[in-house]
Amino acid sequence: MIFAQVKLTAHGRSKVPEFAETIRKFPEVLECHLVLGSVDFFLRIVARDIEEYEHFFFEKLSHLPEVQEVHSNIVLSEIKFTTELPI
C-alpha cells in the first residue's frame, strides 16, 4: 500500500474536476481526498510490489499534465485499521 501526496500545477488547480475524474478510473487508487495545505490530494494506492507501483507512477500518475509533484510513502506494516466510527 502506498500513500501519495499529489500537488497540482498552478494551472492544474483549475482542473480539479478533470483530475478527480481521471483518478476515479485508476483501479490502483482506492481512495482520493482533496485537501487543504501544501499538497492538493492524498491518494491511497495498492500495488502487488514496488515494480507494479513504479509502472503505475511512471505510466499513469506522472503522465497527467496537471501533476507537478508526487510524494510517495510506502507502507511497511499496518498498525491499526478500522471502519468503526466512535459514535
PDB file of N, CA and C in Angstrom:
ATOM      1  N   MET A   1       0.842  -1.164   0.000  1.00  0.00           N
ATOM      2  CA  MET A   1       0.000   0.000   0.000  1.00  0.00           C
ATOM      3  C   MET A   1       0.892   1.234   0.000  1.00  0.00           C
ATOM      4  N   ILE A   2       0.456   2.248  -0.712  1.00  0.00           N
ATOM      5  CA  ILE A   2       1.205   3.487  -0.837  1.00  0.00           C
ATOM      6  C   ILE A   2       0.265   4.649  -0.556  1.00  0.00           C
ATOM      7  N   PHE A   3       0.744   5.603   0.216  1.00  0.00           N
ATOM      8  CA  PHE A   3       0.042   6.863   0.384  1.00  0.00           C
ATOM      9  C   PHE A   3       0.809   7.890  -0.415  1.00  0.00           C
ATOM     10  N   ALA A   4       0.156   8.529  -1.364  1.00  0.00           N
ATOM     11  CA  ALA A   4       0.817   9.521  -2.218  1.00  0.00           C
ATOM     12  C   ALA A   4       0.185  10.887  -1.994  1.00  0.00           C
ATOM     13  N   GLN A   5       1.044  11.871  -1.876  1.00  0.00           N
ATOM     14  CA  GLN A   5       0.609  13.257  -1.773  1.00  0.00           C
ATOM     15  C   GLN A   5       0.856  13.890  -3.138  1.00  0.00           C
ATOM     16  N   VAL A   6      -0.191  14.451  -3.723  1.00  0.00           N
ATOM     17  CA  VAL A   6      -0.099  14.991  -5.072  1.00  0.00           C
ATOM     18  C   VAL A   6      -0.324  16.497  -5.039  1.00  0.00           C
ATOM     19  N   LYS A   7       0.593  17.201  -5.666  1.00  0.00           N
ATOM     20  CA  LYS A   7       0.470  18.655  -5.804  1.00  0.00           C
ATOM     21  C   LYS A   7       0.272  18.952  -7.284  1.00  0.00           C
ATOM     22  N   LEU A   8      -0.748  19.735  -7.574  1.00  0.00           N
ATOM     23  CA  LEU A   8      -1.015  20.109  -8.957  1.00  0.00           C
ATOM     24  C   LEU A   8      -0.262  21.381  -9.313  1.00  0.00           C
ATOM     25  N   THR A   9      -0.079  21.599 -10.596  1.00  0.00           N
ATOM     26  CA  THR A   9       0.496  22.851 -11.056  1.00  0.00           C
ATOM     27  C   THR A   9      -0.505  23.968 -10.769  1.00  0.00           C
ATOM     28  N   ALA A  10      -0.051  25.203 -10.783  1.00  0.00           N
ATOM     29  CA  ALA A  10      -0.955  26.333 -10.554  1.00  0.00           C
ATOM     30  C   ALA A  10      -2.087  26.299 -11.576  1.00  0.00           C
ATOM     31  N   HIS A  11      -1.756  26.019 -12.818  1.00  0.00           N
ATOM     32  CA  HIS A  11      -2.770  25.926 -13.870  1.00  0.00           C
ATOM     33  C   HIS A  11      -3.642  24.686 -13.662  1.00  0.00           C
ATOM     34  N   GLY A  12      -3.033  23.619 -13.167  1.00  0.00           N
ATOM     35  CA  GLY A  12      -3.754  22.369 -12.950  1.00  0.00           C
ATOM     36  C   GLY A  12      -4.824  22.469 -11.881  1.00  0.00           C
ATOM     37  N   ARG A  13      -4.660  23.403 -10.939  1.00  0.00           N
ATOM     38  CA  ARG A  13      -5.653  23.540  -9.862  1.00  0.00           C
ATOM     39  C   ARG A  13      -7.021  23.956 -10.399  1.00  0.00           C
ATOM     40  N   SER A  14      -7.044  24.590 -11.552  1.00  0.00           N
ATOM     41  CA  SER A  14      -8.331  24.941 -12.154  1.00  0.00           C
ATOM     42  C   SER A  14      -8.994  23.718 -12.777  1.00  0.00           C
ATOM     43  N   LYS A  15      -8.257  22.615 -12.849  1.00  0.00           N
ATOM     44  CA  LYS A  15      -8.769  21.387 -13.464  1.00  0.00           C
ATOM     45  C   LYS A  15      -8.996  20.276 -12.440  1.00  0.00           C
ATOM     46  N   VAL A  16      -9.319  20.648 -11.209  1.00  0.00           N
ATOM     47  CA  VAL A  16      -9.550  19.657 -10.161  1.00  0.00           C
ATOM     48  C   VAL A  16     -10.624  18.659 -10.560  1.00  0.00           C
ATOM     49  N   PRO A  17     -11.756  19.068 -11.129  1.00  0.00           N
ATOM     50  CA  PRO A  17     -12.768  18.063 -11.516  1.00  0.00           C
ATOM     51  C   PRO A  17     -12.243  17.062 -12.549  1.00  0.00           C
ATOM     52  N   GLU A  18     -11.456  17.532 -13.506  1.00  0.00           N
ATOM     53  CA  GLU A  18     -10.900  16.630 -14.521  1.00  0.00           C
ATOM     54  C   GLU A  18      -9.901  15.658 -13.892  1.00  0.00           C
ATOM     55  N   PHE A  19      -9.055  16.162 -12.987  1.00  0.00           N
ATOM     56  CA  PHE A  19      -8.100  15.296 -12.296  1.00  0.00           C
ATOM     57  C   PHE A  19      -8.859  14.238 -11.500  1.00  0.00           C
ATOM     58  N   ALA A  20      -9.875  14.664 -10.766  1.00  0.00           N
ATOM     59  CA  ALA A  20     -10.660  13.723  -9.949  1.00  0.00           C
ATOM     60  C   ALA A  20     -11.304  12.648 -10.820  1.00  0.00           C
ATOM     61  N   GLU A  21     -11.824  13.032 -11.967  1.00  0.00           N
ATOM     62  CA  GLU A  21     -12.467  12.061 -12.854  1.00  0.00           C
ATOM     63  C   GLU A  21     -11.448  11.049 -13.383  1.00  0.00           C
ATOM     64  N   THR A  22     -10.263  11.510 -13.712  1.00  0.00           N
ATOM     65  CA  THR A  22      -9.212  10.608 -14.188  1.00  0.00           C
ATOM     66  C   THR A  22      -8.793   9.643 -13.092  1.00  0.00           C
ATOM     67  N   ILE A  23      -8.587  10.143 -11.879  1.00  0.00           N
ATOM     68  CA  ILE A  23      -8.165   9.309 -10.751  1.00  0.00           C
ATOM     69  C   ILE A  23      -9.203   8.232 -10.453  1.00  0.00           C
ATOM     70  N   ARG A  24     -10.483   8.569 -10.587  1.00  0.00           N
ATOM     71  CA  ARG A  24     -11.550   7.576 -10.352  1.00  0.00           C
ATOM     72  C   ARG A  24     -11.428   6.370 -11.274  1.00  0.00           C
ATOM     73  N   LYS A  25     -10.824   6.541 -12.428  1.00  0.00           N
ATOM     74  CA  LYS A  25     -10.703   5.462 -13.414  1.00  0.00           C
ATOM     75  C   LYS A  25      -9.531   4.520 -13.134  1.00  0.00           C
ATOM     76  N   PHE A  26      -8.618   4.899 -12.247  1.00  0.00           N
ATOM     77  CA  PHE A  26      -7.459   4.069 -11.951  1.00  0.00           C
ATOM     78  C   PHE A  26      -7.813   3.066 -10.853  1.00  0.00           C
ATOM     79  N   PRO A  27      -7.873   1.771 -11.166  1.00  0.00           N
ATOM     80  CA  PRO A  27      -8.241   0.784 -10.142  1.00  0.00           C
ATOM     81  C   PRO A  27      -7.229   0.695  -9.003  1.00  0.00           C
ATOM     82  N   GLU A  28      -5.992   1.119  -9.240  1.00  0.00           N
ATOM     83  CA  GLU A  28      -4.962   1.083  -8.205  1.00  0.00           C
ATOM     84  C   GLU A  28      -5.250   2.068  -7.066  1.00  0.00           C
ATOM     85  N   VAL A  29      -6.009   3.111  -7.370  1.00  0.00           N
ATOM     86  CA  VAL A  29      -6.312   4.144  -6.374  1.00  0.00           C
ATOM     87  C   VAL A  29      -7.578   3.748  -5.623  1.00  0.00           C
ATOM     88  N   LEU A  30      -7.425   3.427  -4.342  1.00  0.00           N
ATOM     89  CA  LEU A  30      -8.562   3.029  -3.513  1.00  0.00           C
ATOM     90  C   LEU A  30      -9.266   4.226  -2.911  1.00  0.00           C
ATOM     91  N   GLU A  31      -8.500   5.279  -2.604  1.00  0.00           N
ATOM     92  CA  GLU A  31      -9.069   6.488  -2.012  1.00  0.00           C
ATOM     93  C   GLU A  31      -8.374   7.696  -2.605  1.00  0.00           C
ATOM     94  N   CYS A  32      -9.145   8.771  -2.747  1.00  0.00           N
ATOM     95  CA  CYS A  32      -8.600  10.045  -3.204  1.00  0.00           C
ATOM     96  C   CYS A  32      -9.304  11.132  -2.418  1.00  0.00           C
ATOM     97  N   HIS A  33      -8.510  11.976  -1.759  1.00  0.00           N
ATOM     98  CA  HIS A  33      -9.058  13.045  -0.930  1.00  0.00           C
ATOM     99  C   HIS A  33      -8.483  14.383  -1.366  1.00  0.00           C
ATOM    100  N   LEU A  34      -9.340  15.344  -1.636  1.00  0.00           N
ATOM    101  CA  LEU A  34      -8.934  16.721  -1.902  1.00  0.00           C
ATOM    102  C   LEU A  34      -8.687  17.370  -0.551  1.00  0.00           C
ATOM    103  N   VAL A  35      -7.503  17.969  -0.352  1.00  0.00           N
ATOM    104  CA  VAL A  35      -7.141  18.506   0.950  1.00  0.00           C
ATOM    105  C   VAL A  35      -6.626  19.945   0.825  1.00  0.00           C
ATOM    106  N   LEU A  36      -6.629  20.634   1.949  1.00  0.00           N
ATOM    107  CA  LEU A  36      -6.022  21.960   2.036  1.00  0.00           C
ATOM    108  C   LEU A  36      -4.624  21.798   2.606  1.00  0.00           C
ATOM    109  N   GLY A  37      -3.724  22.667   2.225  1.00  0.00           N
ATOM    110  CA  GLY A  37      -2.361  22.606   2.763  1.00  0.00           C
ATOM    111  C   GLY A  37      -1.331  22.671   1.662  1.00  0.00           C
ATOM    112  N   SER A  38      -0.189  22.070   1.897  1.00  0.00           N
ATOM    113  CA  SER A  38       0.922  22.159   0.951  1.00  0.00           C
ATOM    114  C   SER A  38       0.766  21.249  -0.262  1.00  0.00           C
ATOM    115  N   VAL A  39      -0.163  20.292  -0.206  1.00  0.00           N
ATOM    116  CA  VAL A  39      -0.483  19.436  -1.352  1.00  0.00           C
ATOM    117  C   VAL A  39      -1.978  19.537  -1.619  1.00  0.00           C
ATOM    118  N   ASP A  40      -2.390  19.009  -2.750  1.00  0.00           N
ATOM    119  CA  ASP A  40      -3.800  19.127  -3.147  1.00  0.00           C
ATOM    120  C   ASP A  40      -4.605  17.852  -2.920  1.00  0.00           C
ATOM    121  N   PHE A  41      -3.958  16.687  -3.035  1.00  0.00           N
ATOM    122  CA  PHE A  41      -4.664  15.414  -2.898  1.00  0.00           C
ATOM    123  C   PHE A  41      -3.838  14.427  -2.089  1.00  0.00           C
ATOM    124  N   PHE A  42      -4.527  13.585  -1.333  1.00  0.00           N
ATOM    125  CA  PHE A  42      -3.936  12.397  -0.715  1.00  0.00           C
ATOM    126  C   PHE A  42      -4.560  11.200  -1.427  1.00  0.00           C
ATOM    127  N   LEU A  43      -3.730  10.284  -1.860  1.00  0.00           N
ATOM    128  CA  LEU A  43      -4.205   9.071  -2.517  1.00  0.00           C
ATOM    129  C   LEU A  43      -3.757   7.851  -1.718  1.00  0.00           C
ATOM    130  N   ARG A  44      -4.644   6.869  -1.626  1.00  0.00           N
ATOM    131  CA  ARG A  44      -4.259   5.557  -1.085  1.00  0.00           C
ATOM    132  C   ARG A  44      -4.258   4.609  -2.271  1.00  0.00           C
ATOM    133  N   ILE A  45      -3.098   4.033  -2.531  1.00  0.00           N
ATOM    134  CA  ILE A  45      -2.879   3.233  -3.728  1.00  0.00           C
ATOM    135  C   ILE A  45      -2.436   1.830  -3.307  1.00  0.00           C
ATOM    136  N   VAL A  46      -2.859   0.823  -4.057  1.00  0.00           N
ATOM    137  CA  VAL A  46      -2.370  -0.538  -3.815  1.00  0.00           C
ATOM    138  C   VAL A  46      -1.625  -1.030  -5.049  1.00  0.00           C
ATOM    139  N   ALA A  47      -0.590  -1.804  -4.772  1.00  0.00           N
ATOM    140  CA  ALA A  47       0.195  -2.430  -5.830  1.00  0.00           C
ATOM    141  C   ALA A  47       0.746  -3.736  -5.278  1.00  0.00           C
ATOM    142  N   ARG A  48       0.923  -4.715  -6.150  1.00  0.00           N
ATOM    143  CA  ARG A  48       1.449  -6.014  -5.741  1.00  0.00           C
ATOM    144  C   ARG A  48       2.870  -5.908  -5.197  1.00  0.00           C
ATOM    145  N   ASP A  49       3.645  -5.019  -5.812  1.00  0.00           N
ATOM    146  CA  ASP A  49       5.038  -4.841  -5.405  1.00  0.00           C
ATOM    147  C   ASP A  49       5.533  -3.487  -5.898  1.00  0.00           C
ATOM    148  N   ILE A  50       6.776  -3.178  -5.605  1.00  0.00           N
ATOM    149  CA  ILE A  50       7.322  -1.872  -5.957  1.00  0.00           C
ATOM    150  C   ILE A  50       7.401  -1.684  -7.474  1.00  0.00           C
ATOM    151  N   GLU A  51       7.644  -2.762  -8.204  1.00  0.00           N
ATOM    152  CA  GLU A  51       7.701  -2.666  -9.666  1.00  0.00           C
ATOM    153  C   GLU A  51       6.341  -2.280 -10.244  1.00  0.00           C
ATOM    154  N   GLU A  52       5.276  -2.854  -9.666  1.00  0.00           N
ATOM    155  CA  GLU A  52       3.928  -2.516 -10.132  1.00  0.00           C
ATOM    156  C   GLU A  52       3.605  -1.053  -9.821  1.00  0.00           C
ATOM    157  N   TYR A  53       4.012  -0.574  -8.646  1.00  0.00           N
ATOM    158  CA  TYR A  53       3.790   0.842  -8.321  1.00  0.00           C
ATOM    159  C   TYR A  53       4.628   1.733  -9.234  1.00  0.00           C
ATOM    160  N   GLU A  54       5.843   1.321  -9.508  1.00  0.00           N
ATOM    161  CA  GLU A  54       6.704   2.095 -10.405  1.00  0.00           C
ATOM    162  C   GLU A  54       6.037   2.252 -11.770  1.00  0.00           C
ATOM    163  N   HIS A  55       5.472   1.163 -12.272  1.00  0.00           N
ATOM    164  CA  HIS A  55       4.762   1.217 -13.551  1.00  0.00           C
ATOM    165  C   HIS A  55       3.572   2.187 -13.468  1.00  0.00           C
ATOM    166  N   PHE A  56       2.760   2.068 -12.414  1.00  0.00           N
ATOM    167  CA  PHE A  56       1.620   2.968 -12.231  1.00  0.00           C
ATOM    168  C   PHE A  56       2.091   4.422 -12.167  1.00  0.00           C
ATOM    169  N   PHE A  57       3.136   4.674 -11.388  1.00  0.00           N
ATOM    170  CA  PHE A  57       3.641   6.031 -11.222  1.00  0.00           C
ATOM    171  C   PHE A  57       4.128   6.618 -12.542  1.00  0.00           C
ATOM    172  N   PHE A  58       5.001   5.889 -13.244  1.00  0.00           N
ATOM    173  CA  PHE A  58       5.595   6.431 -14.461  1.00  0.00           C
ATOM    174  C   PHE A  58       4.672   6.398 -15.671  1.00  0.00           C
ATOM    175  N   GLU A  59       3.773   5.424 -15.741  1.00  0.00           N
ATOM    176  CA  GLU A  59       2.917   5.292 -16.919  1.00  0.00           C
ATOM    177  C   GLU A  59       1.563   5.983 -16.785  1.00  0.00           C
ATOM    178  N   LYS A  60       1.124   6.237 -15.564  1.00  0.00           N
ATOM    179  CA  LYS A  60      -0.200   6.844 -15.379  1.00  0.00           C
ATOM    180  C   LYS A  60      -0.132   8.153 -14.603  1.00  0.00           C
ATOM    181  N   LEU A  61       0.201   8.068 -13.328  1.00  0.00           N
ATOM    182  CA  LEU A  61       0.095   9.230 -12.446  1.00  0.00           C
ATOM    183  C   LEU A  61       0.971  10.397 -12.891  1.00  0.00           C
ATOM    184  N   SER A  62       2.232  10.157 -13.163  1.00  0.00           N
ATOM    185  CA  SER A  62       3.125  11.264 -13.523  1.00  0.00           C
ATOM    186  C   SER A  62       2.900  11.762 -14.954  1.00  0.00           C
ATOM    187  N   HIS A  63       2.107  11.044 -15.731  1.00  0.00           N
ATOM    188  CA  HIS A  63       1.789  11.494 -17.088  1.00  0.00           C
ATOM    189  C   HIS A  63       0.654  12.509 -17.125  1.00  0.00           C
ATOM    190  N   LEU A  64      -0.056  12.661 -16.025  1.00  0.00           N
ATOM    191  CA  LEU A  64      -1.156  13.622 -16.015  1.00  0.00           C
ATOM    192  C   LEU A  64      -0.569  15.028 -16.088  1.00  0.00           C
ATOM    193  N   PRO A  65      -1.001  15.835 -17.057  1.00  0.00           N
ATOM    194  CA  PRO A  65      -0.366  17.138 -17.289  1.00  0.00           C
ATOM    195  C   PRO A  65      -0.493  18.119 -16.129  1.00  0.00           C
ATOM    196  N   GLU A  66      -1.509  17.974 -15.310  1.00  0.00           N
ATOM    197  CA  GLU A  66      -1.708  18.925 -14.213  1.00  0.00           C
ATOM    198  C   GLU A  66      -0.916  18.573 -12.950  1.00  0.00           C
ATOM    199  N   VAL A  67      -0.251  17.416 -12.940  1.00  0.00           N
ATOM    200  CA  VAL A  67       0.515  16.993 -11.764  1.00  0.00           C
ATOM    201  C   VAL A  67       1.891  17.657 -11.766  1.00  0.00           C
ATOM    202  N   GLN A  68       2.195  18.347 -10.670  1.00  0.00           N
ATOM    203  CA  GLN A  68       3.502  18.984 -10.516  1.00  0.00           C
ATOM    204  C   GLN A  68       4.453  18.112  -9.701  1.00  0.00           C
ATOM    205  N   GLU A  69       3.959  17.573  -8.559  1.00  0.00           N
ATOM    206  CA  GLU A  69       4.793  16.769  -7.668  1.00  0.00           C
ATOM    207  C   GLU A  69       3.993  15.616  -7.093  1.00  0.00           C
ATOM    208  N   VAL A  70       4.684  14.524  -6.834  1.00  0.00           N
ATOM    209  CA  VAL A  70       4.101  13.382  -6.132  1.00  0.00           C
ATOM    210  C   VAL A  70       5.112  12.931  -5.085  1.00  0.00           C
ATOM    211  N   HIS A  71       4.672  12.847  -3.846  1.00  0.00           N
ATOM    212  CA  HIS A  71       5.497  12.313  -2.764  1.00  0.00           C
ATOM    213  C   HIS A  71       4.856  11.003  -2.316  1.00  0.00           C
ATOM    214  N   SER A  72       5.574   9.915  -2.500  1.00  0.00           N
ATOM    215  CA  SER A  72       5.041   8.585  -2.197  1.00  0.00           C
ATOM    216  C   SER A  72       5.596   8.076  -0.879  1.00  0.00           C
ATOM    217  N   ASN A  73       4.699   7.506  -0.070  1.00  0.00           N
ATOM    218  CA  ASN A  73       5.069   6.875   1.197  1.00  0.00           C
ATOM    219  C   ASN A  73       4.601   5.432   1.150  1.00  0.00           C
ATOM    220  N   ILE A  74       5.548   4.499   1.189  1.00  0.00           N
ATOM    221  CA  ILE A  74       5.227   3.086   1.095  1.00  0.00           C
ATOM    222  C   ILE A  74       5.006   2.523   2.500  1.00  0.00           C
ATOM    223  N   VAL A  75       3.902   1.834   2.679  1.00  0.00           N
ATOM    224  CA  VAL A  75       3.545   1.266   3.977  1.00  0.00           C
ATOM    225  C   VAL A  75       4.395   0.030   4.246  1.00  0.00           C
ATOM    226  N   LEU A  76       5.025   0.011   5.409  1.00  0.00           N
ATOM    227  CA  LEU A  76       5.796  -1.165   5.824  1.00  0.00           C
ATOM    228  C   LEU A  76       4.917  -2.173   6.548  1.00  0.00           C
ATOM    229  N   SER A  77       4.092  -1.680   7.482  1.00  0.00           N
ATOM    230  CA  SER A  77       3.161  -2.563   8.187  1.00  0.00           C
ATOM    231  C   SER A  77       1.982  -1.735   8.680  1.00  0.00           C
ATOM    232  N   GLU A  78       0.864  -2.406   8.837  1.00  0.00           N
ATOM    233  CA  GLU A  78      -0.355  -1.751   9.303  1.00  0.00           C
ATOM    234  C   GLU A  78      -0.463  -1.939  10.813  1.00  0.00           C
ATOM    235  N   ILE A  79      -0.562  -0.849  11.540  1.00  0.00           N
ATOM    236  CA  ILE A  79      -0.655  -0.890  12.989  1.00  0.00           C
ATOM    237  C   ILE A  79      -2.105  -0.951  13.449  1.00  0.00           C
ATOM    238  N   LYS A  80      -2.961  -0.179  12.781  1.00  0.00           N
ATOM    239  CA  LYS A  80      -4.380  -0.186  13.135  1.00  0.00           C
ATOM    240  C   LYS A  80      -5.182   0.166  11.897  1.00  0.00           C
ATOM    241  N   PHE A  81      -6.291  -0.546  11.708  1.00  0.00           N
ATOM    242  CA  PHE A  81      -7.224  -0.244  10.646  1.00  0.00           C
ATOM    243  C   PHE A  81      -8.614  -0.583  11.148  1.00  0.00           C
ATOM    244  N   THR A  82      -9.516   0.360  11.020  1.00  0.00           N
ATOM    245  CA  THR A  82     -10.909   0.113  11.395  1.00  0.00           C
ATOM    246  C   THR A  82     -11.814   0.994  10.552  1.00  0.00           C
ATOM    247  N   THR A  83     -13.029   0.532  10.372  1.00  0.00           N
ATOM    248  CA  THR A  83     -14.048   1.366   9.719  1.00  0.00           C
ATOM    249  C   THR A  83     -15.126   1.751  10.722  1.00  0.00           C
ATOM    250  N   GLU A  84     -14.964   1.280  11.956  1.00  0.00           N
ATOM    251  CA  GLU A  84     -15.916   1.578  13.013  1.00  0.00           C
ATOM    252  C   GLU A  84     -15.789   3.044  13.436  1.00  0.00           C
ATOM    253  N   LEU A  85     -16.910   3.731  13.492  1.00  0.00           N
ATOM    254  CA  LEU A  85     -16.915   5.137  13.924  1.00  0.00           C
ATOM    255  C   LEU A  85     -17.201   5.209  15.424  1.00  0.00           C
ATOM    256  N   PRO A  86     -16.457   6.050  16.155  1.00  0.00           N
ATOM    257  CA  PRO A  86     -16.645   6.133  17.609  1.00  0.00           C
ATOM    258  C   PRO A  86     -17.824   7.031  17.979  1.00  0.00           C
ATOM    259  N   ILE A  87     -19.021   6.630  17.573  1.00  0.00           N
ATOM    260  CA  ILE A  87     -20.210   7.438  17.866  1.00  0.00           C
ATOM    261  C   ILE A  87     -21.095   6.711  18.857  1.00  0.00           C
TER     262      ILE A  87
END
